[in-house]
């Protein structure tokens, strides 16, 4: 299991569509902001990935840590086009990655909405979010440029996450699909 924080339901739906062969998802243009929690599942490489798409609103962030103990990786999706909320997202990110329960858990940073011309580049997003290596700690981490709406970077994100979970199996063993 892993958490999708400050995530976009569009990223989750696009992931399920690209990985689960027979999944017929929600029309992407019908998706609204997550209020509370969305749950999704992807079956790939002998694993079942259970997504927790947690709402990013400040009042909902107090619930995030309830999911950390069962997380095998974190995918943190940043809206690269929303520069007004970027600092709030960075504060939430720092609080999340310094939580002891997530110590050593692989981290994927997704710079989403790269299809929008005004979006900050992946390089700039990385400069902002990874400026404090000591906060990230001793964990495997990676960043990817994506557009959840058109699917760019989504499959690469899931493939990296699966591989990272498998490499980190000594610290947090994943559950096999048939368990």
N, C-alpha and C. Protein backbone atom coordinates (compact mmCIF):
# COMPACT_ATOMS: atom_id res chain seq x y z
N UNK A 1 0.84 -1.18 0.00
CA UNK A 1 0.00 0.00 0.00
C UNK A 1 0.88 1.23 0.00
N UNK A 2 0.38 2.28 -0.58
CA UNK A 2 1.12 3.53 -0.52
C UNK A 2 0.16 4.69 -0.61
N UNK A 3 0.67 5.81 -0.19
CA UNK A 3 -0.17 7.00 -0.14
C UNK A 3 0.12 7.90 -1.33
N UNK A 4 -0.93 8.51 -1.83
CA UNK A 4 -0.83 9.47 -2.91
C UNK A 4 -1.22 10.80 -2.28
N UNK A 5 -0.23 11.61 -1.93
CA UNK A 5 -0.48 12.82 -1.17
C UNK A 5 -0.43 14.06 -2.04
N UNK A 6 -1.24 15.05 -1.68
CA UNK A 6 -1.43 16.22 -2.50
C UNK A 6 -1.65 15.74 -3.91
N UNK A 7 -2.34 14.61 -3.99
CA UNK A 7 -2.48 13.89 -5.24
C UNK A 7 -3.64 14.36 -6.07
N UNK A 8 -3.60 13.97 -7.25
CA UNK A 8 -4.65 14.26 -8.19
C UNK A 8 -5.37 12.96 -8.51
N UNK A 9 -6.68 12.99 -8.34
CA UNK A 9 -7.48 11.83 -8.68
C UNK A 9 -7.29 11.47 -10.15
N UNK A 10 -7.03 12.47 -10.96
CA UNK A 10 -6.77 12.23 -12.38
C UNK A 10 -5.55 11.33 -12.54
N UNK A 11 -4.51 11.55 -11.73
CA UNK A 11 -3.30 10.70 -11.78
C UNK A 11 -3.67 9.26 -11.42
N UNK A 12 -4.46 9.10 -10.39
CA UNK A 12 -4.89 7.76 -9.97
C UNK A 12 -5.72 7.09 -11.06
N UNK A 13 -6.68 7.79 -11.61
CA UNK A 13 -7.53 7.22 -12.66
C UNK A 13 -6.71 6.88 -13.90
N UNK A 14 -5.79 7.75 -14.28
CA UNK A 14 -4.93 7.50 -15.43
C UNK A 14 -4.03 6.28 -15.17
N UNK A 15 -3.55 6.14 -13.94
CA UNK A 15 -2.72 4.98 -13.57
C UNK A 15 -3.51 3.69 -13.72
N UNK A 16 -4.72 3.69 -13.19
CA UNK A 16 -5.56 2.48 -13.28
C UNK A 16 -5.86 2.14 -14.73
N UNK A 17 -6.12 3.14 -15.54
CA UNK A 17 -6.42 2.92 -16.95
C UNK A 17 -5.21 2.37 -17.70
N UNK A 18 -4.02 2.92 -17.43
CA UNK A 18 -2.82 2.50 -18.16
C UNK A 18 -2.31 1.13 -17.72
N UNK A 19 -2.49 0.77 -16.46
CA UNK A 19 -1.92 -0.47 -15.94
C UNK A 19 -2.92 -1.62 -15.93
N UNK A 20 -4.15 -1.37 -15.51
CA UNK A 20 -5.18 -2.42 -15.46
C UNK A 20 -5.84 -2.53 -16.83
N UNK A 21 -5.56 -3.60 -17.51
CA UNK A 21 -5.93 -3.78 -18.90
C UNK A 21 -7.41 -3.57 -19.20
N UNK A 22 -8.29 -4.05 -18.36
CA UNK A 22 -9.72 -3.99 -18.64
C UNK A 22 -10.44 -2.91 -17.85
N UNK A 23 -9.70 -2.01 -17.23
CA UNK A 23 -10.33 -0.97 -16.42
C UNK A 23 -10.93 0.11 -17.32
N UNK A 24 -12.17 0.43 -17.07
CA UNK A 24 -12.85 1.52 -17.77
C UNK A 24 -13.09 2.60 -16.73
N UNK A 25 -12.29 3.61 -16.76
CA UNK A 25 -12.28 4.60 -15.70
C UNK A 25 -13.33 5.67 -15.81
N UNK A 26 -13.27 6.53 -14.85
CA UNK A 26 -14.11 7.71 -14.79
C UNK A 26 -13.63 8.67 -15.89
N UNK A 27 -14.53 9.30 -16.61
CA UNK A 27 -14.08 10.30 -17.60
C UNK A 27 -13.25 11.38 -16.90
N UNK A 28 -12.04 11.60 -17.39
CA UNK A 28 -11.10 12.49 -16.70
C UNK A 28 -11.64 13.92 -16.57
N UNK A 29 -12.47 14.34 -17.50
CA UNK A 29 -13.01 15.70 -17.42
C UNK A 29 -14.14 15.82 -16.39
N UNK A 30 -14.53 14.73 -15.77
CA UNK A 30 -15.59 14.73 -14.75
C UNK A 30 -15.02 14.70 -13.32
N UNK A 31 -13.71 14.62 -13.19
CA UNK A 31 -13.09 14.50 -11.87
C UNK A 31 -13.00 15.86 -11.21
N UNK A 32 -13.36 15.90 -9.93
CA UNK A 32 -13.27 17.14 -9.16
C UNK A 32 -12.25 16.96 -8.04
N UNK A 33 -11.98 18.02 -7.32
CA UNK A 33 -11.01 17.97 -6.22
C UNK A 33 -11.41 16.93 -5.19
N UNK A 34 -10.42 16.22 -4.66
CA UNK A 34 -10.66 15.20 -3.65
C UNK A 34 -11.02 15.87 -2.33
N UNK A 35 -12.16 15.50 -1.80
CA UNK A 35 -12.54 15.92 -0.46
C UNK A 35 -12.63 14.63 0.34
N UNK A 36 -11.66 14.44 1.20
CA UNK A 36 -11.60 13.19 1.96
C UNK A 36 -10.61 12.23 1.34
N UNK A 37 -11.12 11.10 0.84
CA UNK A 37 -10.26 10.01 0.43
C UNK A 37 -10.86 9.26 -0.75
N UNK A 38 -10.04 8.96 -1.74
CA UNK A 38 -10.38 8.04 -2.81
C UNK A 38 -9.46 6.85 -2.68
N UNK A 39 -9.97 5.66 -2.96
CA UNK A 39 -9.16 4.45 -2.89
C UNK A 39 -9.13 3.82 -4.27
N UNK A 40 -7.95 3.36 -4.68
CA UNK A 40 -7.81 2.68 -5.96
C UNK A 40 -6.88 1.51 -5.84
N UNK A 41 -6.97 0.59 -6.80
CA UNK A 41 -6.14 -0.61 -6.79
C UNK A 41 -5.56 -0.83 -8.19
N UNK A 42 -4.31 -1.22 -8.23
CA UNK A 42 -3.66 -1.60 -9.47
C UNK A 42 -2.95 -2.92 -9.23
N UNK A 43 -3.13 -3.85 -10.15
CA UNK A 43 -2.47 -5.15 -10.09
C UNK A 43 -1.37 -5.17 -11.14
N UNK A 44 -0.11 -5.31 -10.69
CA UNK A 44 1.01 -5.32 -11.63
C UNK A 44 2.21 -6.01 -11.00
N UNK A 45 2.95 -6.74 -11.80
CA UNK A 45 4.19 -7.40 -11.36
C UNK A 45 4.03 -8.22 -10.09
N UNK A 46 2.90 -8.90 -9.94
CA UNK A 46 2.68 -9.73 -8.77
C UNK A 46 2.30 -8.97 -7.51
N UNK A 47 2.09 -7.68 -7.64
CA UNK A 47 1.71 -6.86 -6.49
C UNK A 47 0.34 -6.24 -6.72
N UNK A 48 -0.36 -6.00 -5.65
CA UNK A 48 -1.55 -5.18 -5.70
C UNK A 48 -1.20 -3.88 -5.01
N UNK A 49 -1.23 -2.81 -5.77
CA UNK A 49 -0.97 -1.49 -5.20
C UNK A 49 -2.31 -0.91 -4.75
N UNK A 50 -2.40 -0.60 -3.49
CA UNK A 50 -3.59 0.04 -2.95
C UNK A 50 -3.27 1.51 -2.77
N UNK A 51 -3.95 2.35 -3.53
CA UNK A 51 -3.74 3.79 -3.48
C UNK A 51 -4.68 4.42 -2.48
N UNK A 52 -4.16 5.35 -1.72
CA UNK A 52 -4.98 6.22 -0.90
C UNK A 52 -4.77 7.61 -1.44
N UNK A 53 -5.72 8.11 -2.16
CA UNK A 53 -5.68 9.44 -2.74
C UNK A 53 -6.27 10.37 -1.68
N UNK A 54 -5.40 11.00 -0.92
CA UNK A 54 -5.81 11.80 0.22
C UNK A 54 -5.97 13.26 -0.17
N UNK A 55 -7.08 13.85 0.23
CA UNK A 55 -7.32 15.26 -0.05
C UNK A 55 -6.22 16.13 0.53
N UNK A 56 -5.84 17.16 -0.22
CA UNK A 56 -4.72 18.02 0.19
C UNK A 56 -5.10 19.25 0.97
N UNK A 57 -6.38 19.48 1.19
CA UNK A 57 -6.78 20.66 1.93
C UNK A 57 -6.16 20.63 3.33
N UNK A 58 -5.80 21.80 3.81
CA UNK A 58 -5.10 21.91 5.10
C UNK A 58 -5.82 21.15 6.21
N UNK A 59 -7.14 21.27 6.28
CA UNK A 59 -7.88 20.59 7.35
C UNK A 59 -7.85 19.07 7.22
N UNK A 60 -7.60 18.55 6.01
CA UNK A 60 -7.53 17.10 5.81
C UNK A 60 -6.13 16.55 6.05
N UNK A 61 -5.12 17.40 6.01
CA UNK A 61 -3.74 16.94 6.19
C UNK A 61 -3.52 16.31 7.56
N UNK A 62 -4.32 16.66 8.54
CA UNK A 62 -4.18 16.06 9.87
C UNK A 62 -4.50 14.57 9.85
N UNK A 63 -5.17 14.10 8.81
CA UNK A 63 -5.52 12.68 8.69
C UNK A 63 -4.44 11.86 7.99
N UNK A 64 -3.54 12.52 7.29
CA UNK A 64 -2.55 11.80 6.49
C UNK A 64 -1.78 10.77 7.29
N UNK A 65 -1.31 11.14 8.47
CA UNK A 65 -0.44 10.24 9.23
C UNK A 65 -1.13 8.95 9.67
N UNK A 66 -2.45 8.90 9.58
CA UNK A 66 -3.18 7.66 9.91
C UNK A 66 -2.88 6.55 8.90
N UNK A 67 -2.39 6.91 7.73
CA UNK A 67 -2.13 5.96 6.65
C UNK A 67 -0.65 5.59 6.52
N UNK A 68 0.22 6.29 7.19
CA UNK A 68 1.66 6.11 6.99
C UNK A 68 2.16 4.72 7.35
N UNK A 69 1.67 4.14 8.43
CA UNK A 69 2.22 2.86 8.89
C UNK A 69 2.00 1.72 7.89
N UNK A 70 1.02 1.85 7.03
CA UNK A 70 0.75 0.81 6.04
C UNK A 70 1.27 1.17 4.65
N UNK A 71 1.99 2.28 4.55
CA UNK A 71 2.49 2.74 3.26
C UNK A 71 3.84 2.12 2.94
N UNK A 72 3.96 1.65 1.71
CA UNK A 72 5.22 1.08 1.23
C UNK A 72 5.95 2.04 0.32
N UNK A 73 5.29 3.10 -0.11
CA UNK A 73 5.88 4.16 -0.92
C UNK A 73 4.93 5.35 -0.87
N UNK A 74 5.47 6.50 -1.21
CA UNK A 74 4.65 7.71 -1.29
C UNK A 74 4.84 8.30 -2.68
N UNK A 75 3.72 8.62 -3.31
CA UNK A 75 3.73 9.39 -4.56
C UNK A 75 3.14 10.74 -4.20
N UNK A 76 3.96 11.78 -4.32
CA UNK A 76 3.54 13.13 -3.98
C UNK A 76 3.38 13.90 -5.28
N UNK A 77 2.14 14.23 -5.62
CA UNK A 77 1.84 14.89 -6.88
C UNK A 77 1.72 16.39 -6.63
N UNK A 78 2.54 17.15 -7.35
CA UNK A 78 2.57 18.60 -7.21
C UNK A 78 1.91 19.21 -8.44
N UNK A 79 1.01 20.14 -8.22
CA UNK A 79 0.41 20.90 -9.32
C UNK A 79 1.43 21.96 -9.73
N UNK A 80 2.16 21.69 -10.79
CA UNK A 80 3.23 22.58 -11.24
C UNK A 80 2.72 23.91 -11.77
N UNK A 81 1.44 24.00 -12.02
CA UNK A 81 0.88 25.24 -12.56
C UNK A 81 0.33 26.16 -11.48
N UNK A 82 0.21 25.68 -10.26
CA UNK A 82 -0.39 26.45 -9.17
C UNK A 82 0.69 27.04 -8.28
N UNK A 83 1.32 28.10 -8.75
CA UNK A 83 2.42 28.70 -7.99
C UNK A 83 1.95 29.36 -6.71
N UNK A 84 0.67 29.74 -6.64
CA UNK A 84 0.16 30.36 -5.42
C UNK A 84 0.11 29.39 -4.25
N UNK A 85 -0.12 28.11 -4.52
CA UNK A 85 -0.21 27.11 -3.46
C UNK A 85 1.06 26.29 -3.31
N UNK A 86 2.09 26.59 -4.09
CA UNK A 86 3.30 25.80 -4.06
C UNK A 86 3.99 25.81 -2.69
N UNK A 87 4.03 26.95 -2.04
CA UNK A 87 4.66 27.03 -0.72
C UNK A 87 3.89 26.19 0.29
N UNK A 88 2.56 26.24 0.24
CA UNK A 88 1.74 25.40 1.13
C UNK A 88 2.02 23.92 0.88
N UNK A 89 2.15 23.56 -0.38
CA UNK A 89 2.45 22.17 -0.73
C UNK A 89 3.82 21.76 -0.20
N UNK A 90 4.78 22.65 -0.29
CA UNK A 90 6.14 22.36 0.20
C UNK A 90 6.13 22.18 1.72
N UNK A 91 5.38 22.98 2.43
CA UNK A 91 5.28 22.85 3.89
C UNK A 91 4.66 21.50 4.25
N UNK A 92 3.59 21.13 3.56
CA UNK A 92 2.95 19.83 3.81
C UNK A 92 3.89 18.68 3.46
N UNK A 93 4.63 18.82 2.38
CA UNK A 93 5.61 17.82 1.95
C UNK A 93 6.68 17.62 3.03
N UNK A 94 7.24 18.72 3.53
CA UNK A 94 8.28 18.63 4.56
C UNK A 94 7.75 17.96 5.82
N UNK A 95 6.54 18.30 6.21
CA UNK A 95 5.95 17.68 7.41
C UNK A 95 5.76 16.18 7.19
N UNK A 96 5.31 15.81 6.00
CA UNK A 96 5.07 14.40 5.69
C UNK A 96 6.37 13.61 5.69
N UNK A 97 7.39 14.11 5.00
CA UNK A 97 8.61 13.30 4.85
C UNK A 97 9.43 13.22 6.13
N UNK A 98 9.17 14.09 7.08
CA UNK A 98 9.90 14.02 8.34
C UNK A 98 9.17 13.18 9.39
N UNK A 99 8.02 12.65 9.05
CA UNK A 99 7.29 11.79 9.98
C UNK A 99 8.06 10.47 10.13
N UNK A 100 8.37 10.10 11.35
CA UNK A 100 9.16 8.89 11.64
C UNK A 100 8.56 7.63 11.02
N UNK A 101 7.25 7.55 10.96
CA UNK A 101 6.60 6.35 10.44
C UNK A 101 6.95 6.11 8.97
N UNK A 102 7.27 7.17 8.25
CA UNK A 102 7.63 7.05 6.83
C UNK A 102 9.14 6.99 6.60
N UNK A 103 9.90 6.89 7.66
CA UNK A 103 11.35 6.82 7.53
C UNK A 103 11.76 5.67 6.62
N UNK A 104 12.54 5.98 5.60
CA UNK A 104 13.05 4.97 4.68
C UNK A 104 12.09 4.55 3.59
N UNK A 105 10.86 5.06 3.60
CA UNK A 105 9.87 4.69 2.59
C UNK A 105 10.19 5.43 1.28
N UNK A 106 10.25 4.71 0.15
CA UNK A 106 10.54 5.36 -1.13
C UNK A 106 9.56 6.49 -1.44
N UNK A 107 10.07 7.50 -2.12
CA UNK A 107 9.31 8.71 -2.41
C UNK A 107 9.42 9.07 -3.88
N UNK A 108 8.29 9.25 -4.51
CA UNK A 108 8.24 9.72 -5.88
C UNK A 108 7.58 11.09 -5.89
N UNK A 109 8.26 12.06 -6.46
CA UNK A 109 7.71 13.41 -6.62
C UNK A 109 7.28 13.56 -8.08
N UNK A 110 6.00 13.81 -8.29
CA UNK A 110 5.46 13.96 -9.63
C UNK A 110 5.14 15.43 -9.87
N UNK A 111 5.84 16.03 -10.83
CA UNK A 111 5.56 17.41 -11.24
C UNK A 111 4.45 17.34 -12.29
N UNK A 112 3.22 17.44 -11.84
CA UNK A 112 2.05 17.27 -12.69
C UNK A 112 1.72 18.55 -13.44
N UNK A 113 0.87 18.41 -14.45
CA UNK A 113 0.36 19.49 -15.30
C UNK A 113 1.46 20.13 -16.15
N UNK A 114 2.39 19.30 -16.57
CA UNK A 114 3.47 19.80 -17.43
C UNK A 114 2.97 20.14 -18.83
N UNK A 115 1.72 19.79 -19.14
CA UNK A 115 1.11 20.14 -20.42
C UNK A 115 0.67 21.60 -20.46
N UNK A 116 0.66 22.27 -19.32
CA UNK A 116 0.27 23.68 -19.25
C UNK A 116 1.54 24.52 -19.43
N UNK A 117 1.56 25.40 -20.44
CA UNK A 117 2.78 26.17 -20.75
C UNK A 117 3.34 26.97 -19.57
N UNK A 118 2.49 27.48 -18.69
CA UNK A 118 2.96 28.31 -17.57
C UNK A 118 3.50 27.49 -16.39
N UNK A 119 3.43 26.18 -16.47
CA UNK A 119 3.87 25.34 -15.36
C UNK A 119 5.36 25.47 -15.10
N UNK A 120 5.73 25.33 -13.83
CA UNK A 120 7.14 25.29 -13.49
C UNK A 120 7.72 23.98 -14.01
N UNK A 121 8.95 24.00 -14.44
CA UNK A 121 9.60 22.80 -14.99
C UNK A 121 9.88 21.80 -13.87
N UNK A 122 10.11 20.56 -14.27
CA UNK A 122 10.51 19.53 -13.31
C UNK A 122 11.75 19.98 -12.56
N UNK A 123 12.70 20.55 -13.27
CA UNK A 123 13.95 21.02 -12.63
C UNK A 123 13.64 22.03 -11.51
N UNK A 124 12.75 22.97 -11.77
CA UNK A 124 12.40 23.98 -10.77
C UNK A 124 11.65 23.35 -9.59
N UNK A 125 10.73 22.43 -9.88
CA UNK A 125 9.99 21.74 -8.81
C UNK A 125 10.98 20.96 -7.93
N UNK A 126 11.93 20.27 -8.56
CA UNK A 126 12.94 19.54 -7.78
C UNK A 126 13.76 20.49 -6.92
N UNK A 127 14.14 21.65 -7.46
CA UNK A 127 14.89 22.63 -6.68
C UNK A 127 14.13 23.03 -5.42
N UNK A 128 12.84 23.20 -5.55
CA UNK A 128 12.00 23.63 -4.42
C UNK A 128 11.81 22.49 -3.41
N UNK A 129 11.43 21.31 -3.88
CA UNK A 129 11.04 20.23 -2.98
C UNK A 129 12.22 19.42 -2.45
N UNK A 130 13.30 19.36 -3.19
CA UNK A 130 14.45 18.58 -2.72
C UNK A 130 15.57 19.47 -2.21
N UNK A 131 15.27 20.73 -1.90
CA UNK A 131 16.31 21.65 -1.42
C UNK A 131 16.86 21.21 -0.05
N UNK A 132 16.09 20.45 0.66
CA UNK A 132 16.49 20.01 2.00
C UNK A 132 16.71 18.51 1.99
N UNK A 133 17.83 18.06 1.45
CA UNK A 133 18.12 16.63 1.40
C UNK A 133 18.06 15.98 2.78
N UNK A 134 18.44 16.71 3.82
CA UNK A 134 18.43 16.12 5.16
C UNK A 134 17.01 15.80 5.61
N UNK A 135 16.01 16.52 5.11
CA UNK A 135 14.63 16.20 5.45
C UNK A 135 14.18 14.91 4.77
N UNK A 136 14.64 14.70 3.55
CA UNK A 136 14.27 13.50 2.81
C UNK A 136 14.86 12.27 3.48
N UNK A 137 16.02 12.42 4.06
CA UNK A 137 16.62 11.34 4.82
C UNK A 137 17.17 10.23 3.95
N UNK A 138 17.33 9.07 4.55
CA UNK A 138 17.90 7.91 3.87
C UNK A 138 16.78 7.09 3.25
N UNK A 139 16.35 7.54 2.12
CA UNK A 139 15.29 6.86 1.39
C UNK A 139 15.58 7.00 -0.10
N UNK A 140 15.08 6.09 -0.85
CA UNK A 140 15.17 6.19 -2.30
C UNK A 140 14.12 7.20 -2.76
N UNK A 141 14.53 8.11 -3.63
CA UNK A 141 13.56 9.06 -4.17
C UNK A 141 13.86 9.35 -5.62
N UNK A 142 12.82 9.78 -6.30
CA UNK A 142 12.89 10.02 -7.73
C UNK A 142 11.87 11.09 -8.07
N UNK A 143 12.06 11.76 -9.18
CA UNK A 143 11.08 12.75 -9.62
C UNK A 143 10.79 12.54 -11.09
N UNK A 144 9.58 12.90 -11.47
CA UNK A 144 9.15 12.70 -12.86
C UNK A 144 8.26 13.86 -13.29
N UNK A 145 8.40 14.22 -14.54
CA UNK A 145 7.54 15.21 -15.18
C UNK A 145 6.32 14.47 -15.72
N UNK A 146 5.12 15.02 -15.50
CA UNK A 146 3.92 14.29 -15.91
C UNK A 146 2.79 15.23 -16.29
N UNK A 147 1.87 14.66 -17.00
CA UNK A 147 0.56 15.27 -17.23
C UNK A 147 -0.45 14.15 -17.02
N UNK A 148 -1.10 14.16 -15.88
CA UNK A 148 -2.08 13.11 -15.60
C UNK A 148 -3.22 13.16 -16.61
N UNK A 149 -3.53 14.34 -17.08
CA UNK A 149 -4.64 14.47 -18.02
C UNK A 149 -4.37 13.73 -19.33
N UNK A 150 -3.17 13.89 -19.89
CA UNK A 150 -2.88 13.19 -21.15
C UNK A 150 -2.09 11.90 -20.96
N UNK A 151 -1.71 11.60 -19.72
CA UNK A 151 -1.07 10.32 -19.41
C UNK A 151 0.45 10.32 -19.45
N UNK A 152 1.06 11.39 -19.88
CA UNK A 152 2.52 11.44 -19.93
C UNK A 152 3.13 11.29 -18.53
N UNK A 153 4.08 10.38 -18.39
CA UNK A 153 4.79 10.19 -17.14
C UNK A 153 4.08 9.30 -16.12
N UNK A 154 2.85 8.93 -16.37
CA UNK A 154 2.08 8.15 -15.39
C UNK A 154 2.60 6.72 -15.31
N UNK A 155 2.73 6.05 -16.44
CA UNK A 155 3.20 4.66 -16.42
C UNK A 155 4.62 4.58 -15.87
N UNK A 156 5.48 5.51 -16.25
CA UNK A 156 6.84 5.57 -15.71
C UNK A 156 6.81 5.71 -14.19
N UNK A 157 5.89 6.51 -13.69
CA UNK A 157 5.75 6.72 -12.24
C UNK A 157 5.39 5.42 -11.54
N UNK A 158 4.42 4.69 -12.08
CA UNK A 158 3.99 3.44 -11.45
C UNK A 158 5.10 2.40 -11.55
N UNK A 159 5.77 2.31 -12.68
CA UNK A 159 6.87 1.35 -12.83
C UNK A 159 7.98 1.64 -11.84
N UNK A 160 8.35 2.90 -11.67
CA UNK A 160 9.39 3.25 -10.69
C UNK A 160 8.94 2.88 -9.29
N UNK A 161 7.69 3.18 -8.96
CA UNK A 161 7.17 2.90 -7.63
C UNK A 161 7.20 1.41 -7.32
N UNK A 162 6.76 0.59 -8.27
CA UNK A 162 6.77 -0.86 -8.07
C UNK A 162 8.21 -1.35 -7.83
N UNK A 163 9.14 -0.89 -8.66
CA UNK A 163 10.54 -1.30 -8.51
C UNK A 163 11.11 -0.83 -7.16
N UNK A 164 10.76 0.38 -6.75
CA UNK A 164 11.25 0.90 -5.47
C UNK A 164 10.69 0.10 -4.29
N UNK A 165 9.42 -0.27 -4.37
CA UNK A 165 8.81 -1.10 -3.32
C UNK A 165 9.54 -2.43 -3.24
N UNK A 166 9.83 -3.02 -4.39
CA UNK A 166 10.52 -4.31 -4.40
C UNK A 166 11.95 -4.18 -3.88
N UNK A 167 12.64 -3.10 -4.22
CA UNK A 167 14.00 -2.89 -3.70
C UNK A 167 14.00 -2.63 -2.20
N UNK A 168 12.92 -2.08 -1.68
CA UNK A 168 12.81 -1.73 -0.26
C UNK A 168 12.13 -2.83 0.55
N UNK A 169 11.96 -3.99 -0.06
CA UNK A 169 11.22 -5.09 0.58
C UNK A 169 11.85 -5.56 1.89
N UNK A 170 13.14 -5.38 2.06
CA UNK A 170 13.79 -5.76 3.31
C UNK A 170 13.26 -4.92 4.47
N UNK A 171 13.05 -3.63 4.22
CA UNK A 171 12.57 -2.73 5.26
C UNK A 171 11.06 -2.80 5.47
N UNK A 172 10.32 -2.89 4.37
CA UNK A 172 8.85 -2.98 4.42
C UNK A 172 8.41 -3.95 3.35
N UNK A 173 8.28 -5.21 3.71
CA UNK A 173 7.90 -6.21 2.70
C UNK A 173 6.52 -5.94 2.12
N UNK A 174 6.42 -5.92 0.79
CA UNK A 174 5.10 -5.77 0.18
C UNK A 174 4.31 -7.06 0.29
N UNK A 175 3.01 -6.94 0.20
CA UNK A 175 2.14 -8.12 0.21
C UNK A 175 1.93 -8.55 -1.23
N UNK A 176 2.02 -9.84 -1.49
CA UNK A 176 1.77 -10.36 -2.83
C UNK A 176 0.29 -10.35 -3.13
N UNK A 177 -0.05 -10.31 -4.41
CA UNK A 177 -1.45 -10.26 -4.84
C UNK A 177 -2.25 -11.46 -4.32
N UNK A 178 -1.61 -12.61 -4.21
CA UNK A 178 -2.35 -13.80 -3.82
C UNK A 178 -2.41 -14.04 -2.32
N UNK A 179 -1.99 -13.08 -1.52
CA UNK A 179 -2.07 -13.24 -0.06
C UNK A 179 -3.39 -12.77 0.46
